[in-house]
Amino acid sequence: MPYDLLMPQLGMTMTEGSVVKWLKEPGDAVEKGELLYLVQTDKVEVEIESPCSGTLAQVLVDLGQLVQVGTVIGRVTQPGDSLEPMPGVPMNAPTAAQGSPIPSSPRSNTDVSASPNSNRPRLPSQRAKKLARELGVDVHLVPDYDGSGRIVEADVLRFHEERSSVGPKSALAPAVMSSGVEKNETSSAARKTIAARMTASLQVVITDCPWEDNSVEREILEENGIRVARAQCTTPLEVIEACRDADALLVGWAPITDEVIRSLNRCRLLMRYGTGFDNIDLDAATRAGIAVGVNAEYCLEEVATHALALLLACHRQLGVLQDSVRNGRWDPLNVFVPFPPLSQQTVGILGFGRIGQRLAGMVRPLAKRVFVHDPLFSGREEPNPHAQFVSFAHLLAESDYISIHVPLNKETHHLFGAETIARMKKGAYVINCARGEIVDEAALLVSLRQHHLAGAALDVFSKEPLPADSPLRGFPQVIITPHAAWYSTQADHRLHANPARNIVRFFRGEGIPLLNNITAPGTE
C-alpha cells in the first residue's frame, strides 16, 4: 500500500513546518535513505530522507505552506499500489513541483493526435532536454502523452520512434509497452538505459579510506557501468601512480596536490567522502577544469549533537568527576570548580553553516544567550532567531563555551593560537568538532597549565590517531573523543552512498553541489 509521508517533528517544541523544496519530482524513483525534501521550521532547515523505496506519486502541499506535524505531505508508492482518496484531498492533488495534477492511476499510451490539452504548459525535464538534443529532436514538439504537464525521457523516446523511418526499435530506447504501463515505469527504464550508456567505460578510483567494505559505493557505481578500483594512497606519488587515467577520484584523506592534479589525464571530478576539503588543492583543480565536490550533508545532525554533548560534558565537568571516581574519590564538592547553571551562561558558536545553525537551535533553550560569529554574515542582520551575531572579539570575550564549526584553510589554521586563547574569557571552554589544526594544541596546553581555560572537548586533532604520549591525554578536564562526531548508522550509510550517487549524477550531466564552477561532461 502507498506510504504516507508525514511532516516530521524535528524538535520537542516543533508543532508545524513547511516543505520549501522537493528534491525529487512526482514520478521519480526514490531509494530508502535518499534525500527527498527540505523542511523549514522557525529554527532550522533540514533535508529529510525517504523512509522507503518506490516512486514519489503525490505531493499534497504547496511549497512554503505551513502544516501541522503529522500532516500527510506526499505519498510514495510501490509497484501495484493504487491510490485511495484522502479525506479533503482530491485524487489529482496539485503538485508543489509543477502545480498540475498527478495521475492517480495508470494511463494508456494514446496516439499523439489524442494527446491532452495542447494549451497546457508542457515542462520538459533537464534529462528530457538532454536526450532530445542527443536524438536531434525538438523537445517543444514532444507531446504530453499522459496529460501530467511534464515531458520526460520516455516521451522523447516515444516521439523519436514514432517519427523515425527505422523499423526496429533503437538500441538506445527501451521498448514502450502498450496500454497499462505508467509513465514513471517507462521513464525509469529509460533513465537506466540512458545512464548506463552515459557512464559506460568510466573508471573511478577510491584513493584511500579507513574501512575494508566498499560494497555500498561499489554497487551504486557498478550498476551504472562504472568500473571501480581501490587504492590506499598516503603520498602524492602513490595517488599519481594509482589514478593517472581515472575519470573520477573518490577521496578520503589522500593528498590531492597541484602535482597530483597536473598528472591526471582524464579526471573530471574529485569527490570527497567527507565534508572538508583541506587535503585537495581547490585552486589547482579549478585551473585544470576538474570539478570538486564534498559529502556536505551526511552527518549534520550527528556533529551538532556530538558538539552539544561535549559542551554539556564540559559544563557538568564530567571529565574531572569520572577521573576522581576512578582514582577512588567520592567527593564532588572538592572536585568541582564552582560554576553557575547553564541558563546563566553564554554559548559561542564560530561558523554558522548548517551544523552551527543546528547546534544553535539545540542549545538555545538551555543557555542564557547564544552568540555566533561567521565572516560570511555582514553583521547587519540576525542570522537566526535563536542566536545573536557578534564580532569575533566579542565572541571570545563573552562566551563561556566556544564551539568551532569552520573549515580548515589558510585563515583558520591555528586560529585558536596563544593570542586568541588569551582573549577568551577566563574559565571558558573550547569545543572542536571541525578540524584539529584550527586549534594550536601547544598553545592550548599552556593555557590549561596556567588555568586560563577551564578545559576543552576535542573530537579532532592535528595528528590522528592522537599519539599515546600526547600531553592532552593527561588532563582530566580535557574530554577526548576519537573523531567520532560524524557517526550514526544512517550517517555511515550516507558516507558511502552519497558520494557514489553524486559521481553518477555528475557524469549523467545532472547538477550536483560543487565547490568550484566546473561544467559537467555533456552539458557544455
Protein backbone atom coordinates (compact mmCIF):
# COMPACT_ATOMS: atom_id res chain seq x y z
CA MET A 1 0.00 0.00 0.00
CA PRO A 2 1.18 3.60 -0.53
CA TYR A 3 3.45 5.05 2.15
CA ASP A 4 2.26 8.38 3.54
CA LEU A 5 4.99 10.97 4.00
CA LEU A 6 4.28 12.96 7.16
CA MET A 7 5.52 16.37 8.23
CA PRO A 8 8.26 15.26 10.66
CA GLN A 9 8.80 16.60 14.16
CA LEU A 10 12.35 17.98 14.22
CA GLY A 11 12.37 19.00 17.85
CA MET A 12 10.36 18.58 21.01
CA THR A 13 8.75 22.01 20.62
CA MET A 14 8.04 21.85 16.89
CA THR A 15 4.32 21.95 16.03
CA GLU A 16 4.37 22.95 12.36
CA GLY A 17 6.68 23.36 9.41
CA SER A 18 6.70 23.77 5.66
CA VAL A 19 8.20 21.97 2.70
CA VAL A 20 10.36 24.53 0.89
CA LYS A 21 11.85 22.23 -1.75
CA TRP A 22 11.27 18.76 -3.19
CA LEU A 23 14.50 17.09 -4.28
CA LYS A 24 12.56 14.68 -6.49
CA GLU A 25 9.76 15.27 -8.96
CA PRO A 26 6.49 13.30 -8.90
CA GLY A 27 7.01 10.17 -10.95
CA ASP A 28 10.68 9.87 -10.00
CA ALA A 29 12.01 6.70 -8.41
CA VAL A 30 13.31 7.15 -4.86
CA GLU A 31 15.51 4.94 -2.72
CA LYS A 32 15.24 4.40 1.00
CA GLY A 33 17.62 6.80 2.73
CA GLU A 34 17.85 9.12 -0.28
CA LEU A 35 17.28 12.83 0.42
CA LEU A 36 13.72 13.62 -0.67
CA TYR A 37 12.56 17.04 0.55
CA LEU A 38 13.63 20.09 2.55
CA VAL A 39 11.61 21.10 5.63
CA GLN A 40 11.83 24.55 7.18
CA THR A 41 10.75 25.48 10.70
CA ASP A 42 11.20 28.68 12.68
CA LYS A 43 14.53 27.21 13.87
CA VAL A 44 16.18 25.16 11.16
CA GLU A 45 16.10 23.83 7.63
CA VAL A 46 16.51 20.05 7.41
CA GLU A 47 16.75 17.74 4.42
CA ILE A 48 14.60 14.65 5.05
CA GLU A 49 15.33 11.17 3.73
CA SER A 50 12.82 8.91 2.06
CA PRO A 51 11.63 6.27 4.57
CA CYS A 52 11.20 3.68 1.83
CA SER A 53 11.97 2.89 -1.78
CA GLY A 54 9.41 3.34 -4.51
CA THR A 55 8.00 6.15 -6.66
CA LEU A 56 7.12 9.64 -5.46
CA ALA A 57 3.49 9.51 -6.57
CA GLN A 58 1.87 12.56 -5.00
CA VAL A 59 2.84 15.86 -3.43
CA LEU A 60 -0.06 17.13 -1.33
CA VAL A 61 1.06 20.51 -0.01
CA ASP A 62 2.22 23.71 -1.66
CA LEU A 63 5.81 24.88 -1.24
CA GLY A 64 6.05 27.12 1.81
CA GLN A 65 2.63 26.08 3.16
CA LEU A 66 2.66 25.76 6.97
CA VAL A 67 1.22 22.44 8.09
CA GLN A 68 0.99 20.67 11.42
CA VAL A 69 3.41 17.93 12.43
CA GLY A 70 1.96 14.59 11.30
CA THR A 71 0.16 16.03 8.27
CA VAL A 72 0.42 13.87 5.15
CA ILE A 73 2.52 15.90 2.69
CA GLY A 74 3.07 13.30 -0.02
CA ARG A 75 2.92 9.64 -0.94
CA VAL A 76 5.41 7.03 -2.11
CA THR A 77 4.04 4.00 -3.93
CA GLN A 78 5.32 0.53 -4.72
CA PRO A 79 4.60 -1.40 -7.95
CA GLY A 80 0.96 -2.47 -7.95
CA ASP A 81 -0.17 0.14 -5.40
CA SER A 82 -3.33 2.08 -6.10
CA LEU A 83 -4.00 5.45 -4.52
CA GLU A 84 -7.13 5.78 -2.44
CA PRO A 85 -8.68 9.21 -1.96
CA MET A 86 -7.70 11.05 1.24
CA PRO A 87 -10.34 12.95 3.22
CA GLY A 88 -10.47 16.50 1.90
CA VAL A 89 -7.84 15.85 -0.80
CA PRO A 90 -8.86 15.25 -4.42
CA MET A 91 -7.34 12.27 -6.14
CA ASN A 92 -5.49 14.53 -8.56
CA ALA A 93 -3.97 16.78 -5.90
CA PRO A 94 -1.81 19.63 -7.25
CA THR A 95 1.89 19.08 -7.06
CA ALA A 96 4.20 21.58 -5.46
CA ALA A 97 6.74 20.99 -8.21
CA GLN A 98 4.53 21.74 -11.19
CA GLY A 99 1.14 22.93 -9.98
CA SER A 100 -0.55 20.32 -12.19
CA PRO A 101 -2.44 17.12 -11.38
CA ILE A 102 -0.63 13.83 -10.85
CA PRO A 103 -2.43 10.90 -12.46
CA SER A 104 -3.79 8.65 -9.74
CA SER A 105 -3.95 5.55 -11.93
CA PRO A 106 -2.15 4.12 -14.98
CA ARG A 107 -2.94 5.70 -18.32
CA SER A 108 -2.73 4.09 -21.73
CA ASN A 109 -0.18 5.26 -24.25
CA THR A 110 -2.60 7.10 -26.52
CA ASP A 111 -1.93 8.35 -30.02
CA VAL A 112 -0.14 11.66 -30.44
CA SER A 113 -3.19 13.18 -32.04
CA ALA A 114 -5.18 12.36 -28.92
CA SER A 115 -2.69 13.94 -26.54
CA PRO A 116 -4.27 16.08 -23.80
CA ASN A 117 -4.99 19.79 -23.78
CA SER A 118 -2.40 21.38 -26.03
CA ASN A 119 -2.84 24.70 -24.25
CA ARG A 120 -1.38 23.32 -21.02
CA PRO A 121 2.26 24.32 -20.45
CA ARG A 122 4.50 21.33 -21.15
CA LEU A 123 7.56 21.37 -18.90
CA PRO A 124 10.45 19.22 -20.15
CA SER A 125 12.82 17.83 -17.55
CA GLN A 126 16.54 18.50 -17.89
CA ARG A 127 17.06 14.84 -18.76
CA ALA A 128 14.40 15.07 -21.46
CA LYS A 129 16.08 18.15 -22.93
CA LYS A 130 19.45 16.41 -22.94
CA LEU A 131 18.11 13.27 -24.62
CA ALA A 132 16.23 15.37 -27.17
CA ARG A 133 19.49 17.11 -28.13
CA GLU A 134 21.23 13.74 -28.49
CA LEU A 135 18.48 12.38 -30.74
CA GLY A 136 18.07 15.57 -32.76
CA VAL A 137 14.51 16.06 -31.54
CA ASP A 138 12.87 19.44 -30.93
CA VAL A 139 11.70 18.98 -27.35
CA HIS A 140 8.99 21.61 -27.85
CA LEU A 141 7.27 19.29 -30.35
CA VAL A 142 7.14 16.32 -27.95
CA PRO A 143 3.54 15.69 -26.82
CA ASP A 144 2.48 15.41 -23.20
CA TYR A 145 1.29 11.84 -23.64
CA ASP A 146 -0.38 11.34 -20.26
CA GLY A 147 -1.54 14.87 -19.52
CA SER A 148 0.68 15.33 -16.47
CA GLY A 149 2.20 18.57 -17.77
CA ARG A 150 5.68 17.04 -17.70
CA ILE A 151 7.88 15.85 -20.58
CA VAL A 152 10.35 13.14 -19.54
CA GLU A 153 12.80 10.90 -21.41
CA ALA A 154 10.15 8.29 -22.15
CA ASP A 155 8.10 10.89 -24.05
CA VAL A 156 11.15 11.94 -26.08
CA LEU A 157 12.00 8.32 -26.91
CA ARG A 158 8.44 7.52 -27.97
CA PHE A 159 8.18 10.64 -30.11
CA HIS A 160 11.53 9.86 -31.75
CA GLU A 161 10.48 6.29 -32.56
CA GLU A 162 7.09 7.33 -33.90
CA ARG A 163 8.75 9.82 -36.25
CA SER A 164 11.60 7.54 -37.23
CA SER A 165 11.63 5.69 -40.54
CA VAL A 166 13.70 2.89 -38.96
CA GLY A 167 11.67 -0.23 -38.36
CA PRO A 168 13.34 -1.86 -35.36
CA LYS A 169 13.48 -0.12 -32.03
CA SER A 170 16.58 1.93 -31.39
CA ALA A 171 19.18 0.28 -29.21
CA LEU A 172 19.10 3.42 -27.09
CA ALA A 173 15.39 3.18 -26.35
CA PRO A 174 13.62 0.74 -24.07
CA ALA A 175 10.54 -0.77 -25.62
CA VAL A 176 7.48 1.39 -24.95
CA MET A 177 4.85 -1.07 -23.83
CA SER A 178 1.26 -0.81 -24.85
CA SER A 179 -1.66 0.12 -22.61
CA GLY A 180 -1.43 -0.36 -18.87
CA VAL A 181 2.12 0.92 -18.39
CA GLU A 182 2.59 4.00 -16.23
CA LYS A 183 4.73 6.86 -17.47
CA ASN A 184 7.02 6.66 -14.48
CA GLU A 185 7.80 2.99 -15.21
CA THR A 186 8.78 3.83 -18.78
CA SER A 187 10.72 6.86 -17.56
CA SER A 188 12.57 4.77 -15.01
CA ALA A 189 13.54 2.21 -17.64
CA ALA A 190 14.67 5.00 -19.95
CA ARG A 191 16.78 6.58 -17.24
CA LYS A 192 18.53 3.30 -16.52
CA THR A 193 19.28 2.73 -20.19
CA ILE A 194 20.49 6.29 -20.74
CA ALA A 195 22.52 6.34 -17.52
CA ALA A 196 24.25 3.08 -18.40
CA ARG A 197 25.19 4.45 -21.81
CA MET A 198 26.48 7.76 -20.43
CA THR A 199 28.58 6.20 -17.68
CA ALA A 200 29.86 3.15 -19.56
CA SER A 201 33.65 2.84 -19.75
CA LEU A 202 34.20 5.31 -16.91
CA GLN A 203 36.59 4.43 -14.10
CA VAL A 204 36.52 5.69 -10.53
CA VAL A 205 39.50 5.17 -8.25
CA ILE A 206 38.99 5.18 -4.50
CA THR A 207 42.22 6.80 -3.42
CA ASP A 208 42.02 5.71 0.21
CA CYS A 209 39.60 5.02 3.05
CA PRO A 210 39.92 3.56 6.56
CA TRP A 211 37.31 0.83 6.11
CA GLU A 212 37.52 -2.50 4.31
CA ASP A 213 33.97 -2.71 2.99
CA ASN A 214 33.26 -0.62 -0.10
CA SER A 215 30.23 -2.62 -1.17
CA VAL A 216 27.72 0.26 -0.91
CA GLU A 217 29.61 2.66 -3.17
CA ARG A 218 30.75 -0.14 -5.48
CA GLU A 219 27.20 -1.32 -6.05
CA ILE A 220 25.94 2.17 -6.88
CA LEU A 221 28.78 2.83 -9.31
CA GLU A 222 29.00 -0.60 -10.92
CA GLU A 223 25.26 -0.89 -11.56
CA ASN A 224 25.71 2.24 -13.67
CA GLY A 225 28.50 0.65 -15.69
CA ILE A 226 31.34 2.42 -13.87
CA ARG A 227 34.47 0.43 -13.11
CA VAL A 228 35.83 0.83 -9.58
CA ALA A 229 39.40 0.37 -8.37
CA ARG A 230 40.63 0.81 -4.84
CA ALA A 231 44.00 2.02 -3.63
CA GLN A 232 45.33 3.04 -0.24
CA CYS A 233 47.37 6.13 -1.10
CA THR A 234 49.12 8.20 1.53
CA THR A 235 51.52 10.25 -0.63
CA PRO A 236 51.13 12.32 -3.80
CA LEU A 237 53.31 9.85 -5.72
CA GLU A 238 51.05 6.95 -4.76
CA VAL A 239 47.99 8.92 -5.92
CA ILE A 240 49.67 9.70 -9.24
CA GLU A 241 50.55 6.04 -9.85
CA ALA A 242 47.06 4.77 -8.97
CA CYS A 243 44.90 7.46 -10.54
CA ARG A 244 46.62 8.76 -13.64
CA ASP A 245 43.90 7.52 -16.03
CA ALA A 246 40.85 7.70 -13.75
CA ASP A 247 37.75 9.66 -14.77
CA ALA A 248 36.92 10.50 -11.15
CA LEU A 249 38.56 10.09 -7.76
CA LEU A 250 36.67 9.19 -4.60
CA VAL A 251 38.92 10.68 -1.95
CA GLY A 252 39.39 10.03 1.73
CA TRP A 253 42.48 11.68 3.23
CA ALA A 254 44.97 11.22 0.39
CA PRO A 255 46.81 14.43 -0.59
CA ILE A 256 45.43 15.76 -3.88
CA THR A 257 48.13 18.32 -4.56
CA ASP A 258 48.85 20.51 -7.57
CA GLU A 259 51.40 17.91 -8.69
CA VAL A 260 48.76 15.17 -8.48
CA ILE A 261 46.19 17.22 -10.36
CA ARG A 262 48.59 18.04 -13.21
CA SER A 263 49.27 14.30 -13.63
CA LEU A 264 45.60 13.33 -14.10
CA ASN A 265 44.99 12.65 -17.80
CA ARG A 266 41.22 12.06 -17.80
CA CYS A 267 39.86 13.17 -14.45
CA ARG A 268 36.76 15.37 -14.44
CA LEU A 269 35.67 15.07 -10.80
CA LEU A 270 37.24 14.88 -7.34
CA MET A 271 34.63 13.72 -4.83
CA ARG A 272 35.41 13.55 -1.11
CA TYR A 273 33.88 11.02 1.23
CA GLY A 274 33.68 13.68 3.97
CA THR A 275 32.69 17.31 4.39
CA GLY A 276 36.11 19.01 4.44
CA PHE A 277 38.43 19.53 1.50
CA ASP A 278 41.66 20.72 3.11
CA ASN A 279 43.56 17.80 1.50
CA ILE A 280 42.55 18.93 -2.02
CA ASP A 281 44.17 21.86 -3.83
CA LEU A 282 40.94 23.51 -4.94
CA ASP A 283 42.67 26.27 -6.91
CA ALA A 284 44.75 23.76 -8.86
CA ALA A 285 41.67 21.65 -9.61
CA THR A 286 39.79 24.69 -10.86
CA ARG A 287 42.68 25.71 -13.12
CA ALA A 288 42.70 22.19 -14.54
CA GLY A 289 38.96 22.22 -15.18
CA ILE A 290 38.30 19.47 -12.63
CA ALA A 291 35.15 19.70 -10.53
CA VAL A 292 35.40 19.23 -6.76
CA GLY A 293 32.55 18.03 -4.56
CA VAL A 294 32.15 17.07 -0.91
CA ASN A 295 29.72 14.97 1.09
CA ALA A 296 28.34 18.08 2.74
CA GLU A 297 25.17 16.83 4.38
CA TYR A 298 25.77 13.28 5.52
CA CYS A 299 26.32 13.99 9.23
CA LEU A 300 24.82 17.39 10.08
CA GLU A 301 22.65 16.24 12.95
CA GLU A 302 25.30 13.87 14.24
CA VAL A 303 28.05 16.51 14.53
CA ALA A 304 25.72 19.10 16.06
CA THR A 305 24.53 16.55 18.62
CA HIS A 306 28.09 15.49 19.43
CA ALA A 307 29.14 19.11 19.92
CA LEU A 308 26.18 19.64 22.25
CA ALA A 309 27.11 16.51 24.20
CA LEU A 310 30.70 17.72 24.60
CA LEU A 311 29.51 21.17 25.66
CA LEU A 312 27.23 19.68 28.32
CA ALA A 313 30.03 17.39 29.50
CA CYS A 314 32.26 20.45 29.94
CA HIS A 315 29.54 22.33 31.77
CA ARG A 316 28.96 19.46 34.21
CA GLN A 317 32.72 18.80 34.46
CA LEU A 318 32.20 15.11 33.71
CA GLY A 319 35.87 14.54 32.84
CA VAL A 320 37.21 15.53 36.27
CA LEU A 321 34.33 13.78 38.05
CA GLN A 322 34.99 10.50 36.25
CA ASP A 323 38.72 10.82 36.87
CA SER A 324 38.16 11.37 40.59
CA VAL A 325 35.91 8.31 40.91
CA ARG A 326 38.37 6.12 39.05
CA ASN A 327 41.05 7.29 41.48
CA GLY A 328 38.97 6.20 44.48
CA ARG A 329 37.41 9.54 45.46
CA TRP A 330 33.74 10.23 46.14
CA ASP A 331 33.82 13.92 46.95
CA PRO A 332 32.30 16.03 44.14
CA LEU A 333 32.27 19.30 46.10
CA ASN A 334 36.04 19.19 46.38
CA VAL A 335 36.43 18.17 42.74
CA PHE A 336 34.16 20.72 41.09
CA VAL A 337 35.39 24.12 40.10
CA PRO A 338 32.33 26.24 41.13
CA PHE A 339 30.07 27.09 38.18
CA PRO A 340 26.61 28.61 37.60
CA PRO A 341 23.71 26.86 35.83
CA LEU A 342 23.89 26.81 32.06
CA SER A 343 20.80 29.01 31.91
CA GLN A 344 23.01 31.83 33.20
CA GLN A 345 25.86 31.24 30.76
CA THR A 346 26.68 32.18 27.18
CA VAL A 347 27.45 29.74 24.37
CA GLY A 348 29.51 30.99 21.42
CA ILE A 349 29.44 29.33 18.01
CA LEU A 350 32.16 30.05 15.47
CA GLY A 351 30.89 29.25 11.98
CA PHE A 352 27.20 29.40 11.17
CA GLY A 353 26.69 26.88 8.41
CA ARG A 354 24.23 24.02 8.66
CA ILE A 355 25.92 22.42 11.66
CA GLY A 356 26.35 25.68 13.53
CA GLN A 357 22.72 26.58 12.93
CA ARG A 358 21.56 23.18 14.18
CA LEU A 359 23.66 23.50 17.30
CA ALA A 360 22.22 26.95 17.95
CA GLY A 361 18.69 25.57 17.77
CA MET A 362 19.60 22.75 20.15
CA VAL A 363 21.40 24.82 22.77
CA ARG A 364 19.26 27.96 22.77
CA PRO A 365 16.59 26.57 25.14
CA LEU A 366 19.35 25.66 27.62
CA ALA A 367 21.62 28.71 27.66
CA LYS A 368 21.14 32.35 28.60
CA ARG A 369 22.48 33.56 25.26
CA VAL A 370 23.87 32.12 22.05
CA PHE A 371 26.44 34.26 20.24
CA VAL A 372 27.61 33.45 16.73
CA HIS A 373 30.36 34.76 14.50
CA ASP A 374 30.76 33.96 10.84
CA PRO A 375 32.57 36.21 8.34
CA LEU A 376 30.00 35.28 5.69
CA PHE A 377 27.36 37.25 7.56
CA SER A 378 27.53 41.02 7.22
CA GLY A 379 26.59 41.73 10.82
CA ARG A 380 23.65 43.85 9.74
CA GLU A 381 21.18 41.01 10.02
CA GLU A 382 20.37 38.43 12.65
CA PRO A 383 21.33 35.10 11.04
CA ASN A 384 18.97 33.10 13.23
CA PRO A 385 16.18 33.94 15.69
CA HIS A 386 17.94 31.84 18.33
CA ALA A 387 21.39 33.42 18.06
CA GLN A 388 22.90 36.89 18.15
CA PHE A 389 25.55 37.85 15.61
CA VAL A 390 28.64 39.39 17.26
CA SER A 391 32.20 40.23 16.33
CA PHE A 392 34.95 37.66 16.81
CA ALA A 393 36.43 39.74 19.63
CA HIS A 394 33.06 39.85 21.40
CA LEU A 395 32.58 36.12 20.93
CA LEU A 396 35.95 35.42 22.56
CA ALA A 397 35.49 37.84 25.47
CA GLU A 398 31.93 36.95 26.44
CA SER A 399 31.41 33.24 25.74
CA ASP A 400 31.67 30.63 28.46
CA TYR A 401 31.87 27.92 25.79
CA ILE A 402 33.03 28.29 22.18
CA SER A 403 32.17 25.53 19.70
CA ILE A 404 34.14 25.60 16.44
CA HIS A 405 32.38 24.87 13.14
CA VAL A 406 34.52 26.43 10.40
CA PRO A 407 36.50 24.75 7.60
CA LEU A 408 40.27 24.45 7.76
CA ASN A 409 42.02 26.85 5.39
CA LYS A 410 44.83 29.41 5.43
CA GLU A 411 42.76 31.81 7.50
CA THR A 412 41.65 29.28 10.12
CA HIS A 413 44.87 27.28 10.54
CA HIS A 414 45.87 27.72 14.22
CA LEU A 415 43.17 30.37 14.53
CA PHE A 416 43.00 29.39 18.18
CA GLY A 417 46.63 30.09 18.97
CA ALA A 418 48.15 31.72 22.02
CA GLU A 419 46.88 35.20 21.21
CA THR A 420 43.30 34.12 20.50
CA ILE A 421 43.11 31.85 23.53
CA ALA A 422 44.42 34.67 25.75
CA ARG A 423 41.49 36.81 24.57
CA MET A 424 38.97 34.16 25.63
CA LYS A 425 37.05 34.60 28.83
CA LYS A 426 38.91 33.20 31.85
CA GLY A 427 37.40 29.87 32.84
CA ALA A 428 35.92 29.25 29.39
CA TYR A 429 35.94 26.00 27.40
CA VAL A 430 36.74 25.37 23.74
CA ILE A 431 34.93 22.58 21.84
CA ASN A 432 36.28 21.42 18.47
CA CYS A 433 34.43 19.05 16.14
CA ALA A 434 35.74 20.70 12.94
CA ARG A 435 39.45 20.19 12.15
CA GLY A 436 42.30 19.62 14.57
CA GLU A 437 44.69 22.16 13.03
CA ILE A 438 42.30 25.02 13.80
CA VAL A 439 43.44 24.77 17.44
CA ASP A 440 47.13 25.16 18.26
CA GLU A 441 47.43 22.27 20.69
CA ALA A 442 50.67 23.58 22.21
CA ALA A 443 49.02 26.93 22.99
CA LEU A 444 46.01 25.11 24.42
CA LEU A 445 48.26 23.11 26.75
CA VAL A 446 49.92 26.30 28.02
CA SER A 447 46.56 27.87 28.76
CA LEU A 448 45.36 24.77 30.62
CA ARG A 449 48.51 24.64 32.71
CA GLN A 450 48.12 28.32 33.55
CA HIS A 451 44.44 27.76 34.44
CA HIS A 452 43.23 30.40 31.99
CA LEU A 453 40.92 27.99 30.17
CA ALA A 454 38.95 25.68 32.42
CA GLY A 455 39.04 22.84 29.90
CA ALA A 456 38.37 21.65 26.39
CA ALA A 457 36.47 18.98 24.49
CA LEU A 458 38.12 17.74 21.31
CA ASP A 459 36.98 15.28 18.65
CA VAL A 460 39.68 16.22 16.12
CA PHE A 461 43.44 16.65 16.39
CA SER A 462 46.40 17.85 14.36
CA LYS A 463 47.64 14.26 14.19
CA GLU A 464 45.26 11.32 14.22
CA PRO A 465 45.17 8.94 15.95
CA LEU A 466 46.18 11.16 18.86
CA PRO A 467 49.65 9.93 19.91
CA ALA A 468 49.70 7.82 23.06
CA ASP A 469 52.17 10.23 24.66
CA SER A 470 50.17 13.37 23.87
CA PRO A 471 50.05 15.63 26.97
CA LEU A 472 46.37 16.27 26.23
CA ARG A 473 45.64 12.75 27.47
CA GLY A 474 46.86 13.72 30.92
CA PHE A 475 44.30 16.47 31.58
CA PRO A 476 41.04 15.17 33.08
CA GLN A 477 39.40 18.50 32.19
CA VAL A 478 40.05 17.75 28.51
CA ILE A 479 37.42 15.42 27.07
CA ILE A 480 38.74 13.44 24.09
CA THR A 481 36.73 11.51 21.53
CA PRO A 482 38.34 9.73 18.53
CA HIS A 483 36.98 11.72 15.55
CA ALA A 484 33.59 10.13 16.14
CA ALA A 485 31.20 13.11 15.89
CA TRP A 486 30.07 12.09 12.39
CA TYR A 487 28.66 8.68 13.30
CA SER A 488 25.18 7.21 13.30
CA THR A 489 24.02 4.16 11.37
CA GLN A 490 22.27 6.40 8.86
CA ALA A 491 25.26 8.72 8.52
CA ASP A 492 27.52 5.72 7.98
CA HIS A 493 25.35 4.66 5.04
CA ARG A 494 25.28 8.21 3.62
CA LEU A 495 29.06 8.41 3.99
CA HIS A 496 29.37 5.61 1.41
CA ALA A 497 26.29 6.19 -0.75
CA ASN A 498 26.11 9.97 -1.24
CA PRO A 499 29.48 10.44 -2.98
CA ALA A 500 28.85 7.48 -5.29
CA ARG A 501 25.42 8.81 -6.26
CA ASN A 502 26.88 12.23 -6.91
CA ILE A 503 29.53 10.75 -9.19
CA VAL A 504 26.83 9.01 -11.22
CA ARG A 505 24.71 12.17 -11.39
CA PHE A 506 27.69 14.28 -12.42
CA PHE A 507 28.53 12.08 -15.39
CA ARG A 508 24.88 11.93 -16.40
CA GLY A 509 25.07 15.70 -16.74
CA GLU A 510 22.84 16.39 -13.76
CA GLY A 511 23.56 19.21 -11.38
CA ILE A 512 25.30 18.37 -8.10
CA PRO A 513 26.69 20.75 -5.45
CA LEU A 514 30.28 21.67 -6.32
CA LEU A 515 32.94 23.80 -4.66
CA ASN A 516 34.01 25.27 -8.00
CA ASN A 517 32.12 26.29 -11.10
CA ILE A 518 33.05 23.43 -13.41
CA THR A 519 30.60 22.18 -16.01
CA ALA A 520 29.65 18.51 -16.01
CA PRO A 521 30.54 16.45 -19.10
CA GLY A 522 27.98 16.71 -21.88
CA THR A 523 26.45 19.96 -20.59
CA GLU A 524 28.92 22.43 -22.05
